[in-house]
Amino acid sequence: MSKPKNWPDTLPYLRAPLHAKEITSAQKQALRARPDAGSTIPIIDAASTSTPCDKVKIQPIKDASHPANGQYGLFASQNIKPGSFIMAYLGKVHSGSLAASDPTSASAKSDYDLWLDRDADVAVDAAREGNEARFVNDYRGIGTKANAEFRPVWCQRWGELCVGVWAISGRQQKGKGAAEKNSGIRKGEEILISYGKGFWEERRREQAGEEEADETVDGTTV
């Protein structure tokens, strides 16, 4: 089966969630439990999670003013209605607490790691393998607000809980221009989310630590 255009040759393309070896049977059971009628988690039919996803396209960023210049972004290949499901975020499904307690783990400092089910201690990391959704950029420095968000979904295709990428509905929009009518995501527009304040605070702490280390020679601060 084909991979999406512009997919990196060195990165495995996933067509289903990849479970890490440490995932327990209890965690698998929690992920595979189908939401009941009263649940707020939507059930996504198999046809809506076909791969590659025809709603999006990966494009190289060639704009010096773009924070991800020289990298990639995810763009709409068709008009996407507000509040609609776009695609599932695929990656390695792993133990969240195990990654947090082991600074040498691949997910410890990953920019692609999302909580899947906190109660079950399960997260999904697309740093080393994934699908098109891993190329969604943060809106800061690009747009006035996010036009998409991450929300949990239960996917019929794989029979388990996943992180879904959704177009933001009109009533959820915040920030400058939020009062304007939300027309969804237009064909050709970049799909943008908010990584959240916690993400950027952590990055600032890491950068501060790196700068401090650069100023230290033989244990003495210059």
N, C-alpha and C. Protein backbone atom coordinates (compact mmCIF):
# COMPACT_ATOMS: atom_id res chain seq x y z
N MET A 1 0.84 -1.20 0.00
CA MET A 1 0.00 0.00 0.00
C MET A 1 0.87 1.25 0.00
N SER A 2 0.40 2.30 -0.65
CA SER A 2 1.18 3.52 -0.79
C SER A 2 1.22 4.34 0.49
N LYS A 3 2.25 5.15 0.59
CA LYS A 3 2.38 6.10 1.69
C LYS A 3 1.95 7.47 1.19
N PRO A 4 1.65 8.39 2.10
CA PRO A 4 1.28 9.74 1.68
C PRO A 4 2.45 10.43 0.97
N LYS A 5 2.14 11.32 0.07
CA LYS A 5 3.18 12.10 -0.60
C LYS A 5 3.93 12.92 0.44
N ASN A 6 5.23 13.01 0.28
CA ASN A 6 6.14 13.75 1.17
C ASN A 6 6.38 13.06 2.51
N TRP A 7 5.97 11.79 2.64
CA TRP A 7 6.26 11.07 3.87
C TRP A 7 7.76 10.76 3.93
N PRO A 8 8.44 11.04 5.06
CA PRO A 8 9.89 10.79 5.18
C PRO A 8 10.24 9.32 4.99
N ASP A 9 11.26 9.05 4.19
CA ASP A 9 11.66 7.67 3.90
C ASP A 9 12.14 6.93 5.14
N THR A 10 12.71 7.66 6.10
CA THR A 10 13.29 7.02 7.29
C THR A 10 12.28 6.77 8.40
N LEU A 11 11.03 7.20 8.21
CA LEU A 11 10.03 7.10 9.26
C LEU A 11 8.96 6.06 8.90
N PRO A 12 8.75 5.03 9.74
CA PRO A 12 7.71 4.04 9.46
C PRO A 12 6.32 4.69 9.43
N TYR A 13 5.54 4.33 8.41
CA TYR A 13 4.17 4.85 8.30
C TYR A 13 3.21 3.82 8.89
N LEU A 14 2.41 4.25 9.85
CA LEU A 14 1.48 3.35 10.53
C LEU A 14 0.09 3.42 9.92
N ARG A 15 -0.53 2.24 9.79
CA ARG A 15 -1.92 2.15 9.34
C ARG A 15 -2.82 1.63 10.45
N ALA A 16 -2.22 1.45 11.63
CA ALA A 16 -2.95 0.99 12.82
C ALA A 16 -2.13 1.36 14.04
N PRO A 17 -2.74 1.47 15.22
CA PRO A 17 -1.98 1.74 16.44
C PRO A 17 -0.93 0.66 16.68
N LEU A 18 0.25 1.06 17.13
CA LEU A 18 1.33 0.13 17.42
C LEU A 18 1.50 0.04 18.93
N HIS A 19 1.26 -1.14 19.50
CA HIS A 19 1.34 -1.30 20.95
C HIS A 19 2.75 -1.65 21.39
N ALA A 20 3.26 -0.92 22.38
CA ALA A 20 4.56 -1.23 22.95
C ALA A 20 4.46 -2.51 23.77
N LYS A 21 5.60 -3.16 23.99
CA LYS A 21 5.62 -4.44 24.70
C LYS A 21 5.14 -4.31 26.14
N GLU A 22 5.33 -3.13 26.74
CA GLU A 22 4.97 -3.00 28.16
C GLU A 22 3.47 -2.83 28.40
N ILE A 23 2.69 -2.65 27.35
CA ILE A 23 1.24 -2.50 27.52
C ILE A 23 0.67 -3.79 28.09
N THR A 24 -0.03 -3.68 29.21
CA THR A 24 -0.57 -4.86 29.89
C THR A 24 -1.91 -5.27 29.31
N SER A 25 -2.35 -6.46 29.67
CA SER A 25 -3.65 -6.95 29.21
C SER A 25 -4.78 -6.07 29.74
N ALA A 26 -4.61 -5.55 30.97
CA ALA A 26 -5.62 -4.67 31.56
C ALA A 26 -5.71 -3.36 30.78
N GLN A 27 -4.57 -2.84 30.36
CA GLN A 27 -4.56 -1.61 29.57
C GLN A 27 -5.19 -1.83 28.20
N LYS A 28 -4.89 -2.97 27.60
CA LYS A 28 -5.49 -3.30 26.31
C LYS A 28 -7.01 -3.42 26.44
N GLN A 29 -7.44 -4.02 27.52
CA GLN A 29 -8.87 -4.18 27.76
C GLN A 29 -9.54 -2.81 27.90
N ALA A 30 -8.87 -1.89 28.60
CA ALA A 30 -9.43 -0.54 28.77
C ALA A 30 -9.54 0.18 27.43
N LEU A 31 -8.54 0.02 26.58
CA LEU A 31 -8.55 0.67 25.28
C LEU A 31 -9.62 0.10 24.36
N ARG A 32 -9.88 -1.19 24.50
CA ARG A 32 -10.80 -1.86 23.58
C ARG A 32 -12.25 -1.86 24.06
N ALA A 33 -12.48 -1.33 25.26
CA ALA A 33 -13.85 -1.25 25.78
C ALA A 33 -14.65 -0.24 24.95
N ARG A 34 -15.67 -0.71 24.28
CA ARG A 34 -16.49 0.16 23.44
C ARG A 34 -17.32 1.11 24.30
N PRO A 35 -17.32 2.40 24.01
CA PRO A 35 -18.10 3.36 24.80
C PRO A 35 -19.58 3.01 24.80
N ASP A 36 -20.23 3.19 25.94
CA ASP A 36 -21.66 2.90 26.00
C ASP A 36 -22.46 4.09 25.46
N ALA A 37 -23.75 3.94 25.44
CA ALA A 37 -24.63 4.95 24.84
C ALA A 37 -24.53 6.30 25.53
N GLY A 38 -24.20 6.31 26.82
CA GLY A 38 -24.13 7.57 27.56
C GLY A 38 -22.77 8.24 27.52
N SER A 39 -21.81 7.65 26.84
CA SER A 39 -20.46 8.19 26.80
C SER A 39 -20.36 9.40 25.88
N THR A 40 -19.45 10.30 26.20
CA THR A 40 -19.21 11.47 25.35
C THR A 40 -18.17 11.18 24.28
N ILE A 41 -17.59 9.99 24.32
CA ILE A 41 -16.59 9.61 23.32
C ILE A 41 -17.29 9.10 22.07
N PRO A 42 -17.10 9.75 20.93
CA PRO A 42 -17.77 9.32 19.70
C PRO A 42 -17.16 8.05 19.11
N ILE A 43 -17.98 7.28 18.44
CA ILE A 43 -17.53 6.08 17.74
C ILE A 43 -17.36 6.43 16.26
N ILE A 44 -16.17 6.20 15.74
CA ILE A 44 -15.85 6.56 14.36
C ILE A 44 -15.89 5.30 13.49
N ASP A 45 -16.67 5.34 12.41
CA ASP A 45 -16.80 4.17 11.54
C ASP A 45 -15.50 3.92 10.78
N ALA A 46 -15.32 2.69 10.32
CA ALA A 46 -14.08 2.28 9.68
C ALA A 46 -13.76 3.09 8.42
N ALA A 47 -14.80 3.46 7.68
CA ALA A 47 -14.58 4.21 6.43
C ALA A 47 -13.92 5.56 6.67
N SER A 48 -14.10 6.12 7.86
CA SER A 48 -13.55 7.45 8.17
C SER A 48 -12.10 7.42 8.62
N THR A 49 -11.53 6.22 8.75
CA THR A 49 -10.14 6.11 9.19
C THR A 49 -9.29 5.33 8.19
N SER A 50 -9.67 5.39 6.91
CA SER A 50 -8.88 4.72 5.88
C SER A 50 -7.53 5.41 5.75
N THR A 51 -6.52 4.66 5.32
CA THR A 51 -5.17 5.21 5.19
C THR A 51 -4.63 4.97 3.78
N PRO A 52 -3.87 5.93 3.23
CA PRO A 52 -3.68 7.29 3.72
C PRO A 52 -4.99 8.07 3.76
N CYS A 53 -5.01 9.14 4.53
CA CYS A 53 -6.21 9.96 4.69
C CYS A 53 -6.37 10.91 3.51
N ASP A 54 -7.53 10.88 2.85
CA ASP A 54 -7.74 11.73 1.67
C ASP A 54 -8.16 13.15 2.02
N LYS A 55 -8.31 13.45 3.31
CA LYS A 55 -8.71 14.81 3.71
C LYS A 55 -7.53 15.75 3.90
N VAL A 56 -6.33 15.17 3.98
CA VAL A 56 -5.15 15.97 4.29
C VAL A 56 -3.99 15.67 3.35
N LYS A 57 -3.01 16.56 3.38
CA LYS A 57 -1.78 16.34 2.63
C LYS A 57 -0.62 16.94 3.40
N ILE A 58 0.52 16.28 3.33
CA ILE A 58 1.74 16.75 3.98
C ILE A 58 2.48 17.65 2.99
N GLN A 59 2.86 18.84 3.44
CA GLN A 59 3.58 19.75 2.56
C GLN A 59 4.81 20.33 3.27
N PRO A 60 5.91 20.50 2.53
CA PRO A 60 7.08 21.15 3.12
C PRO A 60 6.79 22.62 3.36
N ILE A 61 7.32 23.16 4.46
CA ILE A 61 7.15 24.58 4.79
C ILE A 61 8.33 25.35 4.21
N LYS A 62 8.02 26.28 3.32
CA LYS A 62 9.05 27.11 2.69
C LYS A 62 8.72 28.59 2.89
N ASP A 63 8.63 28.97 4.13
CA ASP A 63 8.29 30.35 4.50
C ASP A 63 9.16 30.74 5.68
N ALA A 64 10.05 31.69 5.47
CA ALA A 64 11.01 32.08 6.51
C ALA A 64 10.33 32.58 7.78
N SER A 65 9.11 33.09 7.67
CA SER A 65 8.40 33.60 8.85
C SER A 65 7.66 32.51 9.61
N HIS A 66 7.60 31.32 9.05
CA HIS A 66 6.88 30.20 9.68
C HIS A 66 7.78 29.54 10.72
N PRO A 67 7.29 29.27 11.93
CA PRO A 67 8.12 28.64 12.97
C PRO A 67 8.68 27.28 12.56
N ALA A 68 7.99 26.59 11.64
CA ALA A 68 8.44 25.27 11.19
C ALA A 68 9.07 25.34 9.80
N ASN A 69 9.63 26.48 9.44
CA ASN A 69 10.27 26.63 8.13
C ASN A 69 11.35 25.57 7.93
N GLY A 70 11.32 24.92 6.78
CA GLY A 70 12.28 23.86 6.50
C GLY A 70 11.81 22.49 6.96
N GLN A 71 10.64 22.45 7.62
CA GLN A 71 10.08 21.18 8.07
C GLN A 71 8.78 20.91 7.29
N TYR A 72 7.82 20.28 7.93
CA TYR A 72 6.57 19.95 7.24
C TYR A 72 5.36 20.43 8.03
N GLY A 73 4.25 20.53 7.33
CA GLY A 73 2.98 20.87 7.96
C GLY A 73 1.88 20.02 7.35
N LEU A 74 0.73 20.01 8.00
CA LEU A 74 -0.41 19.25 7.51
C LEU A 74 -1.47 20.22 6.99
N PHE A 75 -1.91 20.00 5.76
CA PHE A 75 -2.84 20.91 5.10
C PHE A 75 -4.09 20.17 4.65
N ALA A 76 -5.19 20.90 4.58
CA ALA A 76 -6.46 20.31 4.14
C ALA A 76 -6.43 20.12 2.62
N SER A 77 -6.75 18.93 2.16
CA SER A 77 -6.81 18.66 0.72
C SER A 77 -8.22 18.82 0.18
N GLN A 78 -9.15 19.14 1.08
CA GLN A 78 -10.55 19.40 0.73
C GLN A 78 -11.14 20.30 1.81
N ASN A 79 -12.28 20.89 1.56
CA ASN A 79 -12.94 21.69 2.58
C ASN A 79 -13.40 20.78 3.73
N ILE A 80 -13.11 21.20 4.96
CA ILE A 80 -13.47 20.40 6.13
C ILE A 80 -14.46 21.20 6.97
N LYS A 81 -15.60 20.62 7.23
CA LYS A 81 -16.67 21.31 7.97
C LYS A 81 -16.29 21.50 9.44
N PRO A 82 -16.73 22.60 10.05
CA PRO A 82 -16.46 22.81 11.48
C PRO A 82 -17.07 21.71 12.33
N GLY A 83 -16.34 21.27 13.33
CA GLY A 83 -16.83 20.23 14.23
C GLY A 83 -16.76 18.82 13.69
N SER A 84 -16.12 18.64 12.53
CA SER A 84 -16.08 17.31 11.92
C SER A 84 -14.77 16.58 12.24
N PHE A 85 -14.84 15.26 12.22
CA PHE A 85 -13.66 14.41 12.45
C PHE A 85 -12.76 14.45 11.22
N ILE A 86 -11.47 14.60 11.45
CA ILE A 86 -10.52 14.63 10.34
C ILE A 86 -9.80 13.30 10.21
N MET A 87 -9.12 12.88 11.27
CA MET A 87 -8.38 11.63 11.22
C MET A 87 -7.92 11.22 12.62
N ALA A 88 -7.46 9.98 12.73
CA ALA A 88 -6.90 9.49 13.99
C ALA A 88 -5.42 9.80 14.06
N TYR A 89 -4.93 10.04 15.26
CA TYR A 89 -3.51 10.30 15.51
C TYR A 89 -2.88 8.96 15.90
N LEU A 90 -2.07 8.41 15.01
CA LEU A 90 -1.48 7.09 15.25
C LEU A 90 -0.02 7.20 15.67
N GLY A 91 0.41 6.27 16.50
CA GLY A 91 1.78 6.22 16.96
C GLY A 91 1.97 4.98 17.83
N LYS A 92 3.03 4.98 18.61
CA LYS A 92 3.27 3.86 19.53
C LYS A 92 2.48 4.07 20.80
N VAL A 93 1.61 3.13 21.13
CA VAL A 93 0.80 3.18 22.35
C VAL A 93 1.64 2.61 23.49
N HIS A 94 1.88 3.40 24.53
CA HIS A 94 2.81 2.99 25.57
C HIS A 94 2.33 3.43 26.95
N SER A 95 3.05 2.99 27.98
CA SER A 95 2.74 3.37 29.36
C SER A 95 3.20 4.80 29.60
N GLY A 96 2.29 5.67 29.99
CA GLY A 96 2.64 7.07 30.22
C GLY A 96 3.56 7.27 31.41
N SER A 97 3.29 6.59 32.51
CA SER A 97 4.11 6.77 33.72
C SER A 97 5.50 6.18 33.54
N LEU A 98 5.62 5.10 32.77
CA LEU A 98 6.91 4.48 32.54
C LEU A 98 7.83 5.43 31.77
N ALA A 99 7.27 6.11 30.78
CA ALA A 99 8.05 7.07 30.00
C ALA A 99 8.47 8.25 30.87
N ALA A 100 7.56 8.70 31.74
CA ALA A 100 7.84 9.85 32.60
C ALA A 100 8.93 9.55 33.63
N SER A 101 8.99 8.29 34.08
CA SER A 101 9.95 7.91 35.12
C SER A 101 11.31 7.51 34.56
N ASP A 102 11.39 7.34 33.23
CA ASP A 102 12.64 6.93 32.60
C ASP A 102 13.11 8.02 31.63
N PRO A 103 14.04 8.88 32.03
CA PRO A 103 14.49 9.97 31.18
C PRO A 103 15.20 9.51 29.91
N THR A 104 15.59 8.23 29.85
CA THR A 104 16.27 7.71 28.66
C THR A 104 15.29 7.16 27.63
N SER A 105 14.02 7.07 27.99
CA SER A 105 13.04 6.52 27.06
C SER A 105 12.80 7.48 25.90
N ALA A 106 12.40 6.92 24.76
CA ALA A 106 12.18 7.74 23.57
C ALA A 106 11.08 8.76 23.76
N SER A 107 10.11 8.44 24.61
CA SER A 107 8.96 9.33 24.79
C SER A 107 9.16 10.39 25.88
N ALA A 108 10.26 10.27 26.64
CA ALA A 108 10.48 11.18 27.77
C ALA A 108 10.50 12.64 27.36
N LYS A 109 11.12 12.94 26.22
CA LYS A 109 11.19 14.33 25.75
C LYS A 109 10.58 14.47 24.36
N SER A 110 9.67 13.59 24.04
CA SER A 110 9.05 13.62 22.71
C SER A 110 8.08 14.80 22.57
N ASP A 111 8.11 15.43 21.41
CA ASP A 111 7.16 16.50 21.09
C ASP A 111 5.88 15.93 20.49
N TYR A 112 5.81 14.62 20.36
CA TYR A 112 4.68 13.97 19.67
C TYR A 112 3.89 13.04 20.59
N ASP A 113 4.10 13.17 21.89
CA ASP A 113 3.49 12.26 22.86
C ASP A 113 2.22 12.85 23.45
N LEU A 114 1.10 12.15 23.33
CA LEU A 114 -0.19 12.62 23.82
C LEU A 114 -0.81 11.59 24.76
N TRP A 115 -1.51 12.06 25.77
CA TRP A 115 -2.25 11.15 26.63
C TRP A 115 -3.41 10.54 25.84
N LEU A 116 -3.54 9.23 25.95
CA LEU A 116 -4.64 8.52 25.31
C LEU A 116 -5.73 8.21 26.34
N ASP A 117 -5.32 7.68 27.49
CA ASP A 117 -6.23 7.39 28.59
C ASP A 117 -5.44 7.52 29.89
N ARG A 118 -5.61 8.64 30.58
CA ARG A 118 -4.85 8.87 31.82
C ARG A 118 -5.20 7.85 32.90
N ASP A 119 -6.47 7.50 33.00
CA ASP A 119 -6.89 6.55 34.03
C ASP A 119 -6.24 5.19 33.82
N ALA A 120 -6.05 4.81 32.56
CA ALA A 120 -5.41 3.53 32.24
C ALA A 120 -3.90 3.67 32.10
N ASP A 121 -3.39 4.90 32.26
CA ASP A 121 -1.96 5.19 32.14
C ASP A 121 -1.43 4.81 30.75
N VAL A 122 -2.12 5.26 29.72
CA VAL A 122 -1.74 4.94 28.35
C VAL A 122 -1.60 6.23 27.54
N ALA A 123 -0.50 6.34 26.80
CA ALA A 123 -0.25 7.49 25.93
C ALA A 123 0.11 6.99 24.54
N VAL A 124 0.14 7.90 23.57
CA VAL A 124 0.51 7.53 22.20
C VAL A 124 1.57 8.51 21.71
N ASP A 125 2.67 7.97 21.19
CA ASP A 125 3.81 8.78 20.77
C ASP A 125 4.10 8.55 19.29
N ALA A 126 4.11 9.64 18.51
CA ALA A 126 4.36 9.54 17.07
C ALA A 126 5.73 10.07 16.68
N ALA A 127 6.67 10.09 17.62
CA ALA A 127 8.00 10.63 17.33
C ALA A 127 8.76 9.76 16.33
N ARG A 128 8.67 8.45 16.47
CA ARG A 128 9.48 7.54 15.66
C ARG A 128 8.69 6.78 14.61
N GLU A 129 7.40 6.82 14.71
CA GLU A 129 6.50 6.21 13.72
C GLU A 129 5.13 6.85 13.91
N GLY A 130 4.34 6.87 12.86
CA GLY A 130 3.04 7.50 12.99
C GLY A 130 2.33 7.62 11.66
N ASN A 131 1.40 8.57 11.58
CA ASN A 131 0.71 8.83 10.32
C ASN A 131 0.71 10.34 10.06
N GLU A 132 -0.10 10.78 9.13
CA GLU A 132 -0.09 12.19 8.73
C GLU A 132 -0.33 13.15 9.89
N ALA A 133 -1.09 12.72 10.89
CA ALA A 133 -1.46 13.61 12.00
C ALA A 133 -0.26 14.12 12.78
N ARG A 134 0.87 13.43 12.73
CA ARG A 134 2.06 13.86 13.47
C ARG A 134 2.62 15.19 12.95
N PHE A 135 2.19 15.59 11.76
CA PHE A 135 2.71 16.82 11.16
C PHE A 135 1.85 18.05 11.44
N VAL A 136 0.86 17.91 12.31
CA VAL A 136 0.05 19.06 12.70
C VAL A 136 0.91 20.01 13.55
N ASN A 137 0.96 21.26 13.16
CA ASN A 137 1.75 22.26 13.88
C ASN A 137 0.89 23.08 14.85
N ASP A 138 1.56 23.69 15.83
CA ASP A 138 0.89 24.61 16.75
C ASP A 138 0.60 25.91 16.01
N TYR A 139 -0.52 26.54 16.35
CA TYR A 139 -0.94 27.75 15.64
C TYR A 139 -0.11 28.98 15.96
N ARG A 140 0.61 28.97 17.08
CA ARG A 140 1.34 30.17 17.51
C ARG A 140 2.42 30.56 16.49
N GLY A 141 2.39 31.80 16.08
CA GLY A 141 3.33 32.30 15.10
C GLY A 141 2.91 32.03 13.67
N ILE A 142 1.72 31.39 13.51
CA ILE A 142 1.23 31.05 12.16
C ILE A 142 -0.13 31.67 11.92
N GLY A 143 -1.09 31.33 12.78
CA GLY A 143 -2.44 31.85 12.65
C GLY A 143 -2.87 32.57 13.92
N THR A 144 -4.05 33.18 13.87
CA THR A 144 -4.56 33.90 15.05
C THR A 144 -5.14 32.94 16.08
N LYS A 145 -5.49 31.74 15.65
CA LYS A 145 -6.08 30.76 16.56
C LYS A 145 -5.99 29.37 15.93
N ALA A 146 -6.19 28.36 16.75
CA ALA A 146 -6.21 26.98 16.24
C ALA A 146 -7.50 26.74 15.47
N ASN A 147 -7.42 25.90 14.44
CA ASN A 147 -8.63 25.51 13.71
C ASN A 147 -8.95 24.03 13.89
N ALA A 148 -8.13 23.35 14.72
CA ALA A 148 -8.35 21.93 14.99
C ALA A 148 -7.96 21.63 16.43
N GLU A 149 -8.36 20.45 16.92
CA GLU A 149 -8.06 20.05 18.29
C GLU A 149 -7.98 18.53 18.39
N PHE A 150 -7.36 18.06 19.47
CA PHE A 150 -7.30 16.63 19.77
C PHE A 150 -8.45 16.27 20.69
N ARG A 151 -9.16 15.19 20.37
CA ARG A 151 -10.23 14.68 21.22
C ARG A 151 -10.24 13.15 21.14
N PRO A 152 -10.59 12.46 22.24
CA PRO A 152 -10.62 11.00 22.21
C PRO A 152 -11.75 10.47 21.33
N VAL A 153 -11.47 9.38 20.65
CA VAL A 153 -12.48 8.71 19.81
C VAL A 153 -12.29 7.20 19.95
N TRP A 154 -13.34 6.47 19.63
CA TRP A 154 -13.23 5.01 19.60
C TRP A 154 -13.38 4.60 18.14
N CYS A 155 -12.34 4.00 17.58
CA CYS A 155 -12.31 3.69 16.15
C CYS A 155 -12.72 2.25 15.87
N GLN A 156 -13.76 2.09 15.06
CA GLN A 156 -14.24 0.75 14.71
C GLN A 156 -13.20 -0.05 13.93
N ARG A 157 -12.43 0.62 13.10
CA ARG A 157 -11.44 -0.08 12.27
C ARG A 157 -10.48 -0.92 13.11
N TRP A 158 -10.04 -0.37 14.23
CA TRP A 158 -9.07 -1.07 15.09
C TRP A 158 -9.69 -1.57 16.38
N GLY A 159 -10.92 -1.20 16.63
CA GLY A 159 -11.61 -1.65 17.84
C GLY A 159 -10.98 -1.16 19.12
N GLU A 160 -10.54 0.09 19.13
CA GLU A 160 -9.94 0.63 20.35
C GLU A 160 -9.96 2.16 20.39
N LEU A 161 -9.66 2.67 21.57
CA LEU A 161 -9.63 4.11 21.80
C LEU A 161 -8.43 4.73 21.10
N CYS A 162 -8.64 5.88 20.48
CA CYS A 162 -7.57 6.60 19.79
C CYS A 162 -7.69 8.09 20.10
N VAL A 163 -6.67 8.83 19.75
CA VAL A 163 -6.75 10.29 19.77
C VAL A 163 -7.20 10.72 18.38
N GLY A 164 -8.22 11.55 18.32
CA GLY A 164 -8.72 12.02 17.04
C GLY A 164 -8.38 13.49 16.81
N VAL A 165 -8.18 13.85 15.55
CA VAL A 165 -7.99 15.24 15.17
C VAL A 165 -9.33 15.74 14.63
N TRP A 166 -9.84 16.82 15.22
CA TRP A 166 -11.15 17.36 14.85
C TRP A 166 -11.03 18.81 14.42
N ALA A 167 -11.84 19.21 13.46
CA ALA A 167 -11.97 20.63 13.13
C ALA A 167 -12.78 21.28 14.25
N ILE A 168 -12.32 22.42 14.73
CA ILE A 168 -13.00 23.10 15.83
C ILE A 168 -14.34 23.65 15.36
N SER A 169 -15.35 23.47 16.19
CA SER A 169 -16.67 24.00 15.86
C SER A 169 -16.73 25.47 16.22
N GLY A 170 -17.70 26.19 15.69
CA GLY A 170 -17.80 27.64 15.88
C GLY A 170 -17.87 28.05 17.33
N ARG A 171 -18.62 27.33 18.14
CA ARG A 171 -18.81 27.74 19.53
C ARG A 171 -17.56 27.50 20.37
N GLN A 172 -16.59 26.72 19.86
CA GLN A 172 -15.38 26.44 20.63
C GLN A 172 -14.24 27.40 20.31
N GLN A 173 -14.38 28.19 19.25
CA GLN A 173 -13.29 29.04 18.84
C GLN A 173 -13.03 30.14 19.85
N LYS A 174 -11.76 30.40 20.10
CA LYS A 174 -11.35 31.42 21.05
C LYS A 174 -10.27 32.29 20.40
N GLY A 175 -10.04 33.44 21.00
CA GLY A 175 -8.97 34.30 20.52
C GLY A 175 -9.45 35.33 19.52
N LYS A 176 -8.50 36.05 18.97
CA LYS A 176 -8.80 37.11 18.02
C LYS A 176 -9.56 36.56 16.82
N GLY A 177 -10.65 37.20 16.47
CA GLY A 177 -11.43 36.78 15.32
C GLY A 177 -12.42 35.68 15.63
N ALA A 178 -12.56 35.31 16.91
CA ALA A 178 -13.45 34.21 17.28
C ALA A 178 -14.90 34.54 17.01
N ALA A 179 -15.23 35.83 16.99
CA ALA A 179 -16.62 36.23 16.77
C ALA A 179 -17.04 36.04 15.31
N GLU A 180 -16.06 35.90 14.42
CA GLU A 180 -16.37 35.70 13.02
C GLU A 180 -16.97 34.31 12.81
N LYS A 181 -17.78 34.19 11.78
CA LYS A 181 -18.40 32.91 11.49
C LYS A 181 -17.34 31.88 11.12
N ASN A 182 -17.39 30.73 11.76
CA ASN A 182 -16.41 29.68 11.49
C ASN A 182 -16.85 28.86 10.29
N SER A 183 -16.05 28.88 9.26
CA SER A 183 -16.38 28.13 8.05
C SER A 183 -15.62 26.82 7.97
N GLY A 184 -15.02 26.43 9.09
CA GLY A 184 -14.24 25.19 9.08
C GLY A 184 -12.83 25.43 8.57
N ILE A 185 -12.27 24.43 7.93
CA ILE A 185 -10.92 24.53 7.38
C ILE A 185 -11.03 24.42 5.86
N ARG A 186 -10.60 25.43 5.18
CA ARG A 186 -10.74 25.45 3.73
C ARG A 186 -9.61 24.67 3.05
N LYS A 187 -9.91 24.17 1.88
CA LYS A 187 -8.92 23.44 1.09
C LYS A 187 -7.66 24.29 0.91
N GLY A 188 -6.51 23.71 1.22
CA GLY A 188 -5.25 24.41 1.09
C GLY A 188 -4.77 25.07 2.37
N GLU A 189 -5.64 25.21 3.37
CA GLU A 189 -5.25 25.82 4.64
C GLU A 189 -4.47 24.83 5.50
N GLU A 190 -3.53 25.37 6.30
CA GLU A 190 -2.79 24.50 7.21
C GLU A 190 -3.67 24.16 8.41
N ILE A 191 -3.63 22.91 8.81
CA ILE A 191 -4.38 22.45 9.98
C ILE A 191 -3.52 22.74 11.21
N LEU A 192 -4.07 23.51 12.13
CA LEU A 192 -3.30 24.00 13.28
C LEU A 192 -4.03 23.71 14.59
N ILE A 193 -3.28 23.28 15.58
CA ILE A 193 -3.84 23.02 16.90
C ILE A 193 -3.12 23.87 17.94
N SER A 194 -3.54 23.76 19.19
CA SER A 194 -2.83 24.40 20.29
C SER A 194 -2.14 23.30 21.10
N TYR A 195 -0.82 23.36 21.19
CA TYR A 195 -0.08 22.38 21.99
C TYR A 195 -0.35 22.57 23.47
N GLY A 196 -0.86 23.74 23.84
CA GLY A 196 -1.15 24.01 25.25
C GLY A 196 -0.02 24.74 25.94
N LYS A 197 -0.36 25.48 27.01
CA LYS A 197 0.64 26.25 27.75
C LYS A 197 1.68 25.35 28.39
N GLY A 198 1.25 24.16 28.84
CA GLY A 198 2.18 23.24 29.49
C GLY A 198 3.32 22.83 28.58
N PHE A 199 3.01 22.63 27.30
CA PHE A 199 4.04 22.23 26.33
C PHE A 199 5.11 23.31 26.22
N TRP A 200 4.68 24.56 26.06
CA TRP A 200 5.63 25.65 25.86
C TRP A 200 6.40 25.97 27.14
N GLU A 201 5.77 25.83 28.29
CA GLU A 201 6.47 26.04 29.55
C GLU A 201 7.58 25.01 29.73
N GLU A 202 7.29 23.77 29.35
CA GLU A 202 8.30 22.71 29.44
C GLU A 202 9.45 22.99 28.48
N ARG A 203 9.12 23.45 27.27
CA ARG A 203 10.17 23.76 26.29
C ARG A 203 11.05 24.91 26.79
N ARG A 204 10.45 25.91 27.42
CA ARG A 204 11.24 27.03 27.95
C ARG A 204 12.18 26.55 29.06
N ARG A 205 11.70 25.63 29.90
CA ARG A 205 12.55 25.09 30.96
C ARG A 205 13.72 24.31 30.37
N GLU A 206 13.44 23.53 29.32
CA GLU A 206 14.50 22.75 28.69
C GLU A 206 15.54 23.66 28.04
N GLN A 207 15.06 24.71 27.36
CA GLN A 207 15.98 25.64 26.71
C GLN A 207 16.84 26.36 27.74
N ALA A 208 16.23 26.73 28.87
CA ALA A 208 16.98 27.40 29.93
C ALA A 208 18.06 26.48 30.49
N GLY A 209 17.73 25.20 30.62
CA GLY A 209 18.69 24.22 31.11
C GLY A 209 19.84 24.02 30.15
N GLU A 210 19.54 24.00 28.84
CA GLU A 210 20.58 23.83 27.83
C GLU A 210 21.51 25.04 27.81
N GLU A 211 20.94 26.24 27.93
CA GLU A 211 21.76 27.45 27.93
C GLU A 211 22.67 27.48 29.14
N GLU A 212 22.15 27.05 30.29
CA GLU A 212 22.96 27.02 31.51
C GLU A 212 24.10 26.03 31.37
N ALA A 213 23.82 24.89 30.72
CA ALA A 213 24.85 23.88 30.52
C ALA A 213 25.94 24.40 29.57
N ASP A 214 25.54 25.16 28.55
CA ASP A 214 26.50 25.71 27.60
C ASP A 214 27.45 26.71 28.27
N GLU A 215 26.96 27.37 29.33
CA GLU A 215 27.77 28.38 30.01
C GLU A 215 28.67 27.78 31.09
N THR A 216 28.57 26.47 31.29
CA THR A 216 29.33 25.81 32.34
C THR A 216 30.53 25.05 31.76
N VAL A 217 31.72 25.29 32.28
CA VAL A 217 32.92 24.61 31.82
C VAL A 217 33.59 23.94 33.02
N ASP A 218 33.80 22.62 32.94
CA ASP A 218 34.43 21.88 34.04
C ASP A 218 33.74 22.13 35.37
N GLY A 219 32.42 22.24 35.35
CA GLY A 219 31.67 22.40 36.58
C GLY A 219 31.63 23.81 37.11
N THR A 220 32.28 24.75 36.41
CA THR A 220 32.30 26.14 36.86
C THR A 220 31.49 27.01 35.91
N THR A 221 30.55 27.76 36.44
CA THR A 221 29.75 28.65 35.61
C THR A 221 30.58 29.85 35.19
N VAL A 222 30.66 30.06 33.88
CA VAL A 222 31.46 31.16 33.35
C VAL A 222 30.72 32.49 33.52
